[in-house]
Amino acid sequence: MLKGLAITPPILGRITIGKVVENNGKRLPQKDDQFTLTSQLQTKEGWIRHPLDEQLRSEQEGKLRRIPIRLLFNDPDLNLRAEYALFDRQTARPLCVGDGEQCKRRTRDGMETLDCPSPDGCPLAQGGACKPYGRLNVLIGDDDPLGSFIFRTTGFNSIRTLAARLAYFKAISGNRLACLPLELRLRGKSTRQSRGTAIFYVDITLREGWTLEETLSEAQRLDEQHHATGFDQKALDRAAKAGFANGAFEDSAEESAEVVEEFYPDAPQHPPGGQDANAPLTLADKLQAKSQQQPQGSTDPKASLGEADTSQSNDVQQFQPRQAKRV
């Protein structure tokens, strides 16, 4: 296995609740009030829809707001990986990821591990440079038992809701999370911070028409079938955990460029080269300079990156940039 390369679940397609559109010469994210399933192919007009998109949409009168799913793993943290992420807006490279306690940061001297106290106290995280960033892998359909669709989000509401649901479903099913027939559902709400604008976020619920008892019975039946046929769920979870741990950053260079364009459109870019002869020329240099100012383990909030922005409007910001016009 190549060291430094994160081994992630095979991807068949993407789940989105918006898209990137071109407006006045700029490519900007635009929100939506429904799911879209796309393949991994795109043209000048955008991502090509997956055949499952039309199939599921026809069952819901054109608005895709519910997707029947199963999960790959029993461990919630393998299905949903959430972290605080800082990307270099110009090169689209991930520079720093943290979990609220520690962060991995790319510097000129290589990868360093530092404290991760709070983005609110980290100068490098200001201006939207650092956001909570979640990736959820789910199974849709029966064609490929190990091929998944990925949903990416920087929405605080989605990440918090998904994390809670996965933990709860694991608990009540007796650690049979991967055997539960569930549903990905799009929900909406308004808050004072959103000023009446609808915030759309993603939830995991029981499937339409299923009771909790029926869902748990099906999970037990499928778990027994797995044991009878030799399907080793524990080994699959261990393999996935080792694969994620094999790399410092999960997203590849190509994926990072798409993530930055869609979720970090307003993040700060590199400072101009001639602005200050003594200033670092790149964001990576700034990270290196900051890490050298404080010894590892320092509690100074300026030393590193940390706690998520708790703004309830993060989900709106995901697909509603400031001053963007409808197209």
C-alpha atoms as a PDB file:
ATOM      1  CA  MET A   1       0.000   0.000   0.000  1.00  0.00           C
ATOM      2  CA  LEU A   2       1.359   3.430  -0.938  1.00  0.00           C
ATOM      3  CA  LYS A   3       2.139   5.383   2.218  1.00  0.00           C
ATOM      4  CA  GLY A   4       0.691   8.883   2.380  1.00  0.00           C
ATOM      5  CA  LEU A   5      -2.253   7.977   0.133  1.00  0.00           C
ATOM      6  CA  ALA A   6      -5.591   7.728   1.936  1.00  0.00           C
ATOM      7  CA  ILE A   7      -7.507   4.636   0.793  1.00  0.00           C
ATOM      8  CA  THR A   8     -11.148   5.716   0.656  1.00  0.00           C
ATOM      9  CA  PRO A   9     -14.368   3.864  -0.249  1.00  0.00           C
ATOM     10  CA  PRO A  10     -14.884   3.398  -4.011  1.00  0.00           C
ATOM     11  CA  ILE A  11     -17.105   6.177  -5.356  1.00  0.00           C
ATOM     12  CA  LEU A  12     -19.899   5.596  -7.885  1.00  0.00           C
ATOM     13  CA  GLY A  13     -21.333   9.114  -7.772  1.00  0.00           C
ATOM     14  CA  ARG A  14     -22.062  12.264  -5.817  1.00  0.00           C
ATOM     15  CA  ILE A  15     -24.999  13.531  -3.771  1.00  0.00           C
ATOM     16  CA  THR A  16     -25.461  17.305  -3.869  1.00  0.00           C
ATOM     17  CA  ILE A  17     -28.005  19.913  -2.802  1.00  0.00           C
ATOM     18  CA  GLY A  18     -26.708  22.561  -5.176  1.00  0.00           C
ATOM     19  CA  LYS A  19     -24.366  23.192  -8.042  1.00  0.00           C
ATOM     20  CA  VAL A  20     -21.671  25.545  -9.289  1.00  0.00           C
ATOM     21  CA  VAL A  21     -22.818  28.018 -11.960  1.00  0.00           C
ATOM     22  CA  GLU A  22     -21.024  30.664 -14.017  1.00  0.00           C
ATOM     23  CA  ASN A  23     -22.199  34.227 -13.441  1.00  0.00           C
ATOM     24  CA  ASN A  24     -20.466  37.345 -14.804  1.00  0.00           C
ATOM     25  CA  GLY A  25     -17.349  35.358 -15.550  1.00  0.00           C
ATOM     26  CA  LYS A  26     -17.171  33.804 -12.082  1.00  0.00           C
ATOM     27  CA  ARG A  27     -18.011  30.264 -11.040  1.00  0.00           C
ATOM     28  CA  LEU A  28     -20.125  30.425  -7.897  1.00  0.00           C
ATOM     29  CA  PRO A  29     -22.084  27.881  -5.839  1.00  0.00           C
ATOM     30  CA  GLN A  30     -25.860  28.021  -6.045  1.00  0.00           C
ATOM     31  CA  LYS A  31     -28.168  26.380  -3.501  1.00  0.00           C
ATOM     32  CA  ASP A  32     -31.096  24.093  -4.272  1.00  0.00           C
ATOM     33  CA  ASP A  33     -34.047  22.655  -2.364  1.00  0.00           C
ATOM     34  CA  GLN A  34     -33.593  19.046  -3.471  1.00  0.00           C
ATOM     35  CA  PHE A  35     -30.991  16.333  -3.923  1.00  0.00           C
ATOM     36  CA  THR A  36     -29.221  15.595  -7.182  1.00  0.00           C
ATOM     37  CA  LEU A  37     -27.381  12.341  -7.852  1.00  0.00           C
ATOM     38  CA  THR A  38     -24.544  12.734 -10.336  1.00  0.00           C
ATOM     39  CA  SER A  39     -22.011  10.416 -11.880  1.00  0.00           C
ATOM     40  CA  GLN A  40     -18.293  11.167 -11.731  1.00  0.00           C
ATOM     41  CA  LEU A  41     -18.328  12.590 -15.257  1.00  0.00           C
ATOM     42  CA  GLN A  42     -18.861  16.225 -16.121  1.00  0.00           C
ATOM     43  CA  THR A  43     -19.126  18.366 -19.235  1.00  0.00           C
ATOM     44  CA  LYS A  44     -19.054  22.118 -19.809  1.00  0.00           C
ATOM     45  CA  GLU A  45     -22.683  22.178 -18.670  1.00  0.00           C
ATOM     46  CA  GLY A  46     -21.850  20.498 -15.355  1.00  0.00           C
ATOM     47  CA  TRP A  47     -21.952  17.053 -13.782  1.00  0.00           C
ATOM     48  CA  ILE A  48     -23.815  14.315 -15.658  1.00  0.00           C
ATOM     49  CA  ARG A  49     -26.711  12.931 -13.657  1.00  0.00           C
ATOM     50  CA  HIS A  50     -26.581   9.343 -12.493  1.00  0.00           C
ATOM     51  CA  PRO A  51     -29.323   7.017 -13.866  1.00  0.00           C
ATOM     52  CA  LEU A  52     -30.575   6.519 -10.298  1.00  0.00           C
ATOM     53  CA  ASP A  53     -31.412  10.222 -10.125  1.00  0.00           C
ATOM     54  CA  GLU A  54     -34.195   9.968 -12.711  1.00  0.00           C
ATOM     55  CA  GLN A  55     -35.454   6.702 -11.224  1.00  0.00           C
ATOM     56  CA  LEU A  56     -35.800   8.082  -7.707  1.00  0.00           C
ATOM     57  CA  ARG A  57     -37.089  11.451  -8.903  1.00  0.00           C
ATOM     58  CA  SER A  58     -39.925   9.839 -10.859  1.00  0.00           C
ATOM     59  CA  GLU A  59     -41.103   8.160  -7.641  1.00  0.00           C
ATOM     60  CA  GLN A  60     -41.342  11.539  -5.869  1.00  0.00           C
ATOM     61  CA  GLU A  61     -43.135  13.663  -8.465  1.00  0.00           C
ATOM     62  CA  GLY A  62     -39.957  15.325  -9.696  1.00  0.00           C
ATOM     63  CA  LYS A  63     -38.554  16.645  -6.381  1.00  0.00           C
ATOM     64  CA  LEU A  64     -35.836  14.383  -4.999  1.00  0.00           C
ATOM     65  CA  ARG A  65     -35.905  14.934  -1.230  1.00  0.00           C
ATOM     66  CA  ARG A  66     -35.647  11.346   0.008  1.00  0.00           C
ATOM     67  CA  ILE A  67     -33.007   8.748  -0.936  1.00  0.00           C
ATOM     68  CA  PRO A  68     -33.169   5.140   0.361  1.00  0.00           C
ATOM     69  CA  ILE A  69     -29.718   4.183   1.615  1.00  0.00           C
ATOM     70  CA  ARG A  70     -27.676   1.673   3.562  1.00  0.00           C
ATOM     71  CA  LEU A  71     -24.360   2.319   5.251  1.00  0.00           C
ATOM     72  CA  LEU A  72     -21.029   0.664   4.557  1.00  0.00           C
ATOM     73  CA  PHE A  73     -19.721   0.418   8.116  1.00  0.00           C
ATOM     74  CA  ASN A  74     -20.913  -0.163  11.671  1.00  0.00           C
ATOM     75  CA  ASP A  75     -18.571   2.541  12.962  1.00  0.00           C
ATOM     76  CA  PRO A  76     -20.270   5.964  12.576  1.00  0.00           C
ATOM     77  CA  ASP A  77     -16.891   7.716  12.224  1.00  0.00           C
ATOM     78  CA  LEU A  78     -16.074   5.651   9.148  1.00  0.00           C
ATOM     79  CA  ASN A  79     -19.347   6.502   7.418  1.00  0.00           C
ATOM     80  CA  LEU A  80     -19.108  10.222   8.301  1.00  0.00           C
ATOM     81  CA  ARG A  81     -15.687  11.851   8.545  1.00  0.00           C
ATOM     82  CA  ALA A  82     -15.971  15.372   9.934  1.00  0.00           C
ATOM     83  CA  GLU A  83     -13.105  17.750  10.617  1.00  0.00           C
ATOM     84  CA  TYR A  84     -12.124  21.395  10.570  1.00  0.00           C
ATOM     85  CA  ALA A  85     -10.380  22.012   7.261  1.00  0.00           C
ATOM     86  CA  LEU A  86      -8.321  24.848   5.851  1.00  0.00           C
ATOM     87  CA  PHE A  87      -7.548  24.865   2.133  1.00  0.00           C
ATOM     88  CA  ASP A  88      -5.173  27.006   0.130  1.00  0.00           C
ATOM     89  CA  ARG A  89      -7.681  28.867  -2.090  1.00  0.00           C
ATOM     90  CA  GLN A  90      -5.173  29.399  -4.908  1.00  0.00           C
ATOM     91  CA  THR A  91      -3.645  25.934  -5.191  1.00  0.00           C
ATOM     92  CA  ALA A  92      -6.660  24.052  -3.720  1.00  0.00           C
ATOM     93  CA  ARG A  93      -4.318  22.006  -1.556  1.00  0.00           C
ATOM     94  CA  PRO A  94      -5.496  21.033   1.945  1.00  0.00           C
ATOM     95  CA  LEU A  95      -3.095  22.671   4.398  1.00  0.00           C
ATOM     96  CA  CYS A  96      -4.508  21.950   7.826  1.00  0.00           C
ATOM     97  CA  VAL A  97      -7.171  19.615   9.246  1.00  0.00           C
ATOM     98  CA  GLY A  98      -8.146  19.294  12.892  1.00  0.00           C
ATOM     99  CA  ASP A  99     -10.653  17.662  15.200  1.00  0.00           C
ATOM    100  CA  GLY A 100     -10.825  20.266  17.968  1.00  0.00           C
ATOM    101  CA  GLU A 101      -7.917  18.755  19.905  1.00  0.00           C
ATOM    102  CA  GLN A 102      -5.137  18.230  17.388  1.00  0.00           C
ATOM    103  CA  CYS A 103      -4.509  19.220  13.797  1.00  0.00           C
ATOM    104  CA  LYS A 104      -2.260  18.004  11.010  1.00  0.00           C
ATOM    105  CA  ARG A 105      -0.620  20.902   9.218  1.00  0.00           C
ATOM    106  CA  ARG A 106       1.423  20.954   6.016  1.00  0.00           C
ATOM    107  CA  THR A 107       4.591  23.041   6.357  1.00  0.00           C
ATOM    108  CA  ARG A 108       7.880  23.435   4.493  1.00  0.00           C
ATOM    109  CA  ASP A 109       9.399  20.896   6.865  1.00  0.00           C
ATOM    110  CA  GLY A 110       6.666  18.371   6.163  1.00  0.00           C
ATOM    111  CA  MET A 111       3.607  17.334   8.129  1.00  0.00           C
ATOM    112  CA  GLU A 112       3.345  18.561  11.726  1.00  0.00           C
ATOM    113  CA  THR A 113       0.918  17.750  14.515  1.00  0.00           C
ATOM    114  CA  LEU A 114      -0.205  20.727  16.594  1.00  0.00           C
ATOM    115  CA  ASP A 115      -2.898  21.642  19.090  1.00  0.00           C
ATOM    116  CA  CYS A 116      -6.329  22.507  17.641  1.00  0.00           C
ATOM    117  CA  PRO A 117      -8.096  24.776  20.149  1.00  0.00           C
ATOM    118  CA  SER A 118     -10.533  26.913  18.126  1.00  0.00           C
ATOM    119  CA  PRO A 119     -10.840  28.555  14.691  1.00  0.00           C
ATOM    120  CA  ASP A 120     -12.326  31.566  16.461  1.00  0.00           C
ATOM    121  CA  GLY A 121      -8.957  32.117  18.136  1.00  0.00           C
ATOM    122  CA  CYS A 122      -6.796  31.203  15.144  1.00  0.00           C
ATOM    123  CA  PRO A 123      -5.756  34.095  12.847  1.00  0.00           C
ATOM    124  CA  LEU A 124      -5.357  31.681   9.947  1.00  0.00           C
ATOM    125  CA  ALA A 125      -8.971  30.580  10.267  1.00  0.00           C
ATOM    126  CA  GLN A 126     -10.558  34.016  10.000  1.00  0.00           C
ATOM    127  CA  GLY A 127     -12.622  35.113   7.010  1.00  0.00           C
ATOM    128  CA  GLY A 128     -14.016  31.659   6.333  1.00  0.00           C
ATOM    129  CA  ALA A 129     -10.626  30.075   5.689  1.00  0.00           C
ATOM    130  CA  CYS A 130     -11.356  27.216   8.095  1.00  0.00           C
ATOM    131  CA  LYS A 131     -14.737  25.465   8.145  1.00  0.00           C
ATOM    132  CA  PRO A 132     -16.246  22.252   9.443  1.00  0.00           C
ATOM    133  CA  TYR A 133     -16.095  19.820   6.543  1.00  0.00           C
ATOM    134  CA  GLY A 134     -17.931  16.505   6.438  1.00  0.00           C
ATOM    135  CA  ARG A 135     -17.997  13.578   3.995  1.00  0.00           C
ATOM    136  CA  LEU A 136     -20.681  10.899   4.183  1.00  0.00           C
ATOM    137  CA  ASN A 137     -20.520   7.676   2.175  1.00  0.00           C
ATOM    138  CA  VAL A 138     -23.742   5.712   1.602  1.00  0.00           C
ATOM    139  CA  LEU A 139     -24.919   2.764  -0.482  1.00  0.00           C
ATOM    140  CA  ILE A 140     -27.715   3.433  -2.999  1.00  0.00           C
ATOM    141  CA  GLY A 141     -29.212   0.575  -4.981  1.00  0.00           C
ATOM    142  CA  ASP A 142     -28.009  -3.029  -5.121  1.00  0.00           C
ATOM    143  CA  ASP A 143     -25.625  -3.007  -8.086  1.00  0.00           C
ATOM    144  CA  ASP A 144     -22.389  -2.702  -6.099  1.00  0.00           C
ATOM    145  CA  PRO A 145     -22.248  -3.804  -2.427  1.00  0.00           C
ATOM    146  CA  LEU A 146     -19.038  -1.831  -1.822  1.00  0.00           C
ATOM    147  CA  GLY A 147     -19.475   1.105  -4.211  1.00  0.00           C
ATOM    148  CA  SER A 148     -20.805   4.232  -2.555  1.00  0.00           C
ATOM    149  CA  PHE A 149     -22.123   7.718  -3.236  1.00  0.00           C
ATOM    150  CA  ILE A 150     -20.473  10.588  -1.381  1.00  0.00           C
ATOM    151  CA  PHE A 151     -22.159  13.628   0.126  1.00  0.00           C
ATOM    152  CA  ARG A 152     -19.871  16.544   1.024  1.00  0.00           C
ATOM    153  CA  THR A 153     -20.916  19.475   3.181  1.00  0.00           C
ATOM    154  CA  THR A 154     -19.563  22.365   5.216  1.00  0.00           C
ATOM    155  CA  GLY A 155     -22.988  22.870   6.802  1.00  0.00           C
ATOM    156  CA  PHE A 156     -22.900  22.753  10.584  1.00  0.00           C
ATOM    157  CA  ASN A 157     -26.540  21.623  10.755  1.00  0.00           C
ATOM    158  CA  SER A 158     -25.965  18.677   8.414  1.00  0.00           C
ATOM    159  CA  ILE A 159     -22.784  17.526  10.153  1.00  0.00           C
ATOM    160  CA  ARG A 160     -24.254  17.735  13.642  1.00  0.00           C
ATOM    161  CA  THR A 161     -27.524  16.019  12.656  1.00  0.00           C
ATOM    162  CA  LEU A 162     -25.828  13.219  10.716  1.00  0.00           C
ATOM    163  CA  ALA A 163     -23.345  12.538  13.520  1.00  0.00           C
ATOM    164  CA  ALA A 164     -26.143  12.315  16.093  1.00  0.00           C
ATOM    165  CA  ARG A 165     -28.309  10.041  13.954  1.00  0.00           C
ATOM    166  CA  LEU A 166     -25.472   7.622  13.203  1.00  0.00           C
ATOM    167  CA  ALA A 167     -24.554   7.341  16.882  1.00  0.00           C
ATOM    168  CA  TYR A 168     -28.187   6.787  17.903  1.00  0.00           C
ATOM    169  CA  PHE A 169     -28.949   4.220  15.199  1.00  0.00           C
ATOM    170  CA  LYS A 170     -25.813   2.286  16.094  1.00  0.00           C
ATOM    171  CA  ALA A 171     -26.866   2.202  19.741  1.00  0.00           C
ATOM    172  CA  ILE A 172     -30.468   1.074  19.267  1.00  0.00           C
ATOM    173  CA  SER A 173     -29.577  -1.550  16.626  1.00  0.00           C
ATOM    174  CA  GLY A 174     -26.986  -3.334  18.759  1.00  0.00           C
ATOM    175  CA  ASN A 175     -24.072  -2.241  16.552  1.00  0.00           C
ATOM    176  CA  ARG A 176     -25.815  -3.252  13.309  1.00  0.00           C
ATOM    177  CA  LEU A 177     -25.584   0.149  11.658  1.00  0.00           C
ATOM    178  CA  ALA A 178     -24.523  -1.304   8.301  1.00  0.00           C
ATOM    179  CA  CYS A 179     -27.600  -3.578   8.227  1.00  0.00           C
ATOM    180  CA  LEU A 180     -30.244  -0.903   8.765  1.00  0.00           C
ATOM    181  CA  PRO A 181     -32.467   0.145   5.825  1.00  0.00           C
ATOM    182  CA  LEU A 182     -32.442   3.930   6.184  1.00  0.00           C
ATOM    183  CA  GLU A 183     -33.195   7.076   4.232  1.00  0.00           C
ATOM    184  CA  LEU A 184     -31.308  10.270   3.468  1.00  0.00           C
ATOM    185  CA  ARG A 185     -33.758  13.155   3.818  1.00  0.00           C
ATOM    186  CA  LEU A 186     -33.503  16.860   3.013  1.00  0.00           C
ATOM    187  CA  ARG A 187     -34.955  19.137   5.673  1.00  0.00           C
ATOM    188  CA  GLY A 188     -35.390  22.888   5.899  1.00  0.00           C
ATOM    189  CA  LYS A 189     -35.638  25.438   8.680  1.00  0.00           C
ATOM    190  CA  SER A 190     -35.224  29.137   9.347  1.00  0.00           C
ATOM    191  CA  THR A 191     -33.346  30.868  12.161  1.00  0.00           C
ATOM    192  CA  ARG A 192     -32.782  34.423  13.322  1.00  0.00           C
ATOM    193  CA  GLN A 193     -29.318  34.364  11.802  1.00  0.00           C
ATOM    194  CA  SER A 194     -30.689  33.252   8.433  1.00  0.00           C
ATOM    195  CA  ARG A 195     -33.169  36.171   8.540  1.00  0.00           C
ATOM    196  CA  GLY A 196     -36.020  34.063   7.282  1.00  0.00           C
ATOM    197  CA  THR A 197     -34.024  32.428   4.500  1.00  0.00           C
ATOM    198  CA  ALA A 198     -34.538  28.672   4.334  1.00  0.00           C
ATOM    199  CA  ILE A 199     -31.617  26.582   5.549  1.00  0.00           C
ATOM    200  CA  PHE A 200     -31.486  23.149   3.937  1.00  0.00           C
ATOM    201  CA  TYR A 201     -29.658  20.382   5.724  1.00  0.00           C
ATOM    202  CA  VAL A 202     -29.391  16.598   5.465  1.00  0.00           C
ATOM    203  CA  ASP A 203     -30.751  14.059   7.927  1.00  0.00           C
ATOM    204  CA  ILE A 204     -30.816  10.244   8.185  1.00  0.00           C
ATOM    205  CA  THR A 205     -34.175   8.740   9.150  1.00  0.00           C
ATOM    206  CA  LEU A 206     -36.239   5.570   8.898  1.00  0.00           C
ATOM    207  CA  ARG A 207     -37.427   4.829   5.381  1.00  0.00           C
ATOM    208  CA  GLU A 208     -40.807   6.126   4.316  1.00  0.00           C
ATOM    209  CA  GLY A 209     -43.489   3.718   5.548  1.00  0.00           C
ATOM    210  CA  TRP A 210     -41.164   1.732   7.841  1.00  0.00           C
ATOM    211  CA  THR A 211     -41.609   1.514  11.612  1.00  0.00           C
ATOM    212  CA  LEU A 212     -38.681   1.316  14.023  1.00  0.00           C
ATOM    213  CA  GLU A 213     -39.575  -2.279  14.885  1.00  0.00           C
ATOM    214  CA  GLU A 214     -39.625  -3.303  11.221  1.00  0.00           C
ATOM    215  CA  THR A 215     -36.295  -1.575  10.626  1.00  0.00           C
ATOM    216  CA  LEU A 216     -34.602  -3.313  13.570  1.00  0.00           C
ATOM    217  CA  SER A 217     -36.042  -6.696  12.560  1.00  0.00           C
ATOM    218  CA  GLU A 218     -34.682  -6.274   9.026  1.00  0.00           C
ATOM    219  CA  ALA A 219     -31.269  -5.318  10.420  1.00  0.00           C
ATOM    220  CA  GLN A 220     -31.199  -8.447  12.580  1.00  0.00           C
ATOM    221  CA  ARG A 221     -32.239 -10.620   9.627  1.00  0.00           C
ATOM    222  CA  LEU A 222     -29.543  -9.167   7.368  1.00  0.00           C
ATOM    223  CA  ASP A 223     -26.919  -9.484  10.110  1.00  0.00           C
ATOM    224  CA  GLU A 224     -27.731 -13.181  10.515  1.00  0.00           C
ATOM    225  CA  GLN A 225     -27.559 -13.631   6.744  1.00  0.00           C
ATOM    226  CA  HIS A 226     -24.119 -12.009   6.687  1.00  0.00           C
ATOM    227  CA  HIS A 227     -22.873 -14.385   9.352  1.00  0.00           C
ATOM    228  CA  ALA A 228     -24.295 -17.384   7.490  1.00  0.00           C
ATOM    229  CA  THR A 229     -22.625 -16.406   4.211  1.00  0.00           C
ATOM    230  CA  GLY A 230     -19.281 -15.426   5.754  1.00  0.00           C
ATOM    231  CA  PHE A 231     -19.586 -11.649   5.288  1.00  0.00           C
ATOM    232  CA  ASP A 232     -17.139 -10.200   7.864  1.00  0.00           C
ATOM    233  CA  GLN A 233     -18.352  -6.707   8.768  1.00  0.00           C
ATOM    234  CA  LYS A 234     -15.751  -6.254  11.529  1.00  0.00           C
ATOM    235  CA  ALA A 235     -12.931  -6.966   9.088  1.00  0.00           C
ATOM    236  CA  LEU A 236     -14.412  -4.493   6.605  1.00  0.00           C
ATOM    237  CA  ASP A 237     -14.492  -1.774   9.269  1.00  0.00           C
ATOM    238  CA  ARG A 238     -10.868  -2.510  10.222  1.00  0.00           C
ATOM    239  CA  ALA A 239      -9.757  -2.331   6.575  1.00  0.00           C
ATOM    240  CA  ALA A 240     -11.537   1.001   6.092  1.00  0.00           C
ATOM    241  CA  LYS A 241     -10.026   2.469   9.254  1.00  0.00           C
ATOM    242  CA  ALA A 242      -6.528   1.467   8.159  1.00  0.00           C
ATOM    243  CA  GLY A 243      -7.132   2.923   4.693  1.00  0.00           C
ATOM    244  CA  PHE A 244      -8.249   6.321   5.997  1.00  0.00           C
ATOM    245  CA  ALA A 245      -5.270   6.437   8.387  1.00  0.00           C
ATOM    246  CA  ASN A 246      -2.819   5.752   5.553  1.00  0.00           C
ATOM    247  CA  GLY A 247      -2.910   9.397   4.386  1.00  0.00           C
ATOM    248  CA  ALA A 248      -2.790  12.756   6.139  1.00  0.00           C
ATOM    249  CA  PHE A 249      -5.539  14.242   3.941  1.00  0.00           C
ATOM    250  CA  GLU A 250      -8.476  12.323   2.516  1.00  0.00           C
ATOM    251  CA  ASP A 251      -9.168  14.377  -0.631  1.00  0.00           C
ATOM    252  CA  SER A 252      -6.981  13.999  -3.701  1.00  0.00           C
ATOM    253  CA  ALA A 253      -5.647  17.025  -5.599  1.00  0.00           C
ATOM    254  CA  GLU A 254      -8.476  16.846  -8.148  1.00  0.00           C
ATOM    255  CA  GLU A 255     -11.140  16.469  -5.477  1.00  0.00           C
ATOM    256  CA  SER A 256      -9.682  19.338  -3.456  1.00  0.00           C
ATOM    257  CA  ALA A 257     -10.050  21.734  -6.391  1.00  0.00           C
ATOM    258  CA  GLU A 258     -13.752  20.874  -6.655  1.00  0.00           C
ATOM    259  CA  VAL A 259     -14.218  21.194  -2.889  1.00  0.00           C
ATOM    260  CA  VAL A 260     -12.608  24.638  -2.771  1.00  0.00           C
ATOM    261  CA  GLU A 261     -14.673  25.895  -5.712  1.00  0.00           C
ATOM    262  CA  GLU A 262     -17.948  24.664  -4.239  1.00  0.00           C
ATOM    263  CA  PHE A 263     -17.509  25.144  -0.491  1.00  0.00           C
ATOM    264  CA  TYR A 264     -14.745  27.711   0.008  1.00  0.00           C
ATOM    265  CA  PRO A 265     -15.452  30.335  -2.692  1.00  0.00           C
ATOM    266  CA  ASP A 266     -14.745  33.302  -0.391  1.00  0.00           C
ATOM    267  CA  ALA A 267     -11.750  31.894   1.472  1.00  0.00           C
ATOM    268  CA  PRO A 268      -8.636  34.136   1.554  1.00  0.00           C
ATOM    269  CA  GLN A 269      -6.083  33.595  -1.170  1.00  0.00           C
ATOM    270  CA  HIS A 270      -2.314  33.962  -1.116  1.00  0.00           C
ATOM    271  CA  PRO A 271      -1.058  37.462  -0.221  1.00  0.00           C
ATOM    272  CA  PRO A 272       0.387  39.352  -3.206  1.00  0.00           C
ATOM    273  CA  GLY A 273       4.008  38.504  -3.797  1.00  0.00           C
ATOM    274  CA  GLY A 274       5.321  42.045  -3.448  1.00  0.00           C
ATOM    275  CA  GLN A 275       3.088  43.226  -0.650  1.00  0.00           C
ATOM    276  CA  ASP A 276       5.609  42.732   2.116  1.00  0.00           C
ATOM    277  CA  ALA A 277       9.144  41.650   1.537  1.00  0.00           C
ATOM    278  CA  ASN A 278       9.274  40.111   4.998  1.00  0.00           C
ATOM    279  CA  ALA A 279       5.879  38.341   4.840  1.00  0.00           C
ATOM    280  CA  PRO A 280       5.490  34.708   3.755  1.00  0.00           C
ATOM    281  CA  LEU A 281       4.572  34.434   0.106  1.00  0.00           C
ATOM    282  CA  THR A 282       2.099  31.601   0.534  1.00  0.00           C
ATOM    283  CA  LEU A 283      -0.473  30.446   2.994  1.00  0.00           C
ATOM    284  CA  ALA A 284       1.705  27.422   3.666  1.00  0.00           C
ATOM    285  CA  ASP A 285       4.514  29.788   4.646  1.00  0.00           C
ATOM    286  CA  LYS A 286       2.149  31.633   6.996  1.00  0.00           C
ATOM    287  CA  LEU A 287       1.193  28.353   8.611  1.00  0.00           C
ATOM    288  CA  GLN A 288       4.845  27.487   9.045  1.00  0.00           C
ATOM    289  CA  ALA A 289       5.627  30.887  10.529  1.00  0.00           C
ATOM    290  CA  LYS A 290       2.748  30.648  13.001  1.00  0.00           C
ATOM    291  CA  SER A 291       3.731  27.152  14.092  1.00  0.00           C
ATOM    292  CA  GLN A 292       7.276  28.332  14.803  1.00  0.00           C
ATOM    293  CA  GLN A 293       6.044  31.168  17.024  1.00  0.00           C
ATOM    294  CA  GLN A 294       4.568  28.736  19.578  1.00  0.00           C
ATOM    295  CA  PRO A 295       6.042  25.501  20.871  1.00  0.00           C
ATOM    296  CA  GLN A 296       4.027  22.340  20.244  1.00  0.00           C
ATOM    297  CA  GLY A 297       1.459  21.837  22.982  1.00  0.00           C
ATOM    298  CA  SER A 298       1.007  25.580  23.600  1.00  0.00           C
ATOM    299  CA  THR A 299      -2.464  26.656  24.630  1.00  0.00           C
ATOM    300  CA  ASP A 300      -2.211  29.988  22.809  1.00  0.00           C
ATOM    301  CA  PRO A 301      -5.152  30.028  20.372  1.00  0.00           C
ATOM    302  CA  LYS A 302      -2.940  31.675  17.766  1.00  0.00           C
ATOM    303  CA  ALA A 303      -0.850  28.529  17.572  1.00  0.00           C
ATOM    304  CA  SER A 304      -3.323  26.417  15.683  1.00  0.00           C
ATOM    305  CA  LEU A 305      -6.779  25.725  14.375  1.00  0.00           C
ATOM    306  CA  GLY A 306      -9.839  24.403  16.137  1.00  0.00           C
ATOM    307  CA  GLU A 307     -13.497  24.520  17.132  1.00  0.00           C
ATOM    308  CA  ALA A 308     -16.133  24.857  14.430  1.00  0.00           C
ATOM    309  CA  ASP A 309     -18.036  27.993  13.594  1.00  0.00           C
ATOM    310  CA  THR A 310     -21.380  27.424  15.278  1.00  0.00           C
ATOM    311  CA  SER A 311     -23.277  29.724  12.940  1.00  0.00           C
ATOM    312  CA  GLN A 312     -26.625  28.172  12.076  1.00  0.00           C
ATOM    313  CA  SER A 313     -26.390  29.651   8.575  1.00  0.00           C
ATOM    314  CA  ASN A 314     -23.464  27.549   7.355  1.00  0.00           C
ATOM    315  CA  ASP A 315     -25.797  25.339   5.320  1.00  0.00           C
ATOM    316  CA  VAL A 316     -27.211  28.387   3.526  1.00  0.00           C
ATOM    317  CA  GLN A 317     -23.743  29.750   2.835  1.00  0.00           C
ATOM    318  CA  GLN A 318     -22.824  26.454   1.222  1.00  0.00           C
ATOM    319  CA  PHE A 319     -24.937  27.280  -1.836  1.00  0.00           C
ATOM    320  CA  GLN A 320     -25.762  30.968  -1.471  1.00  0.00           C
ATOM    321  CA  PRO A 321     -22.714  33.236  -1.924  1.00  0.00           C
ATOM    322  CA  ARG A 322     -23.074  36.929  -1.227  1.00  0.00           C
ATOM    323  CA  GLN A 323     -24.502  38.988  -4.082  1.00  0.00           C
ATOM    324  CA  ALA A 324     -24.785  35.963  -6.389  1.00  0.00           C
ATOM    325  CA  LYS A 325     -27.513  36.369  -9.002  1.00  0.00           C
ATOM    326  CA  ARG A 326     -29.860  33.611 -10.041  1.00  0.00           C
ATOM    327  CA  VAL A 327     -29.213  32.087 -13.413  1.00  0.00           C
END
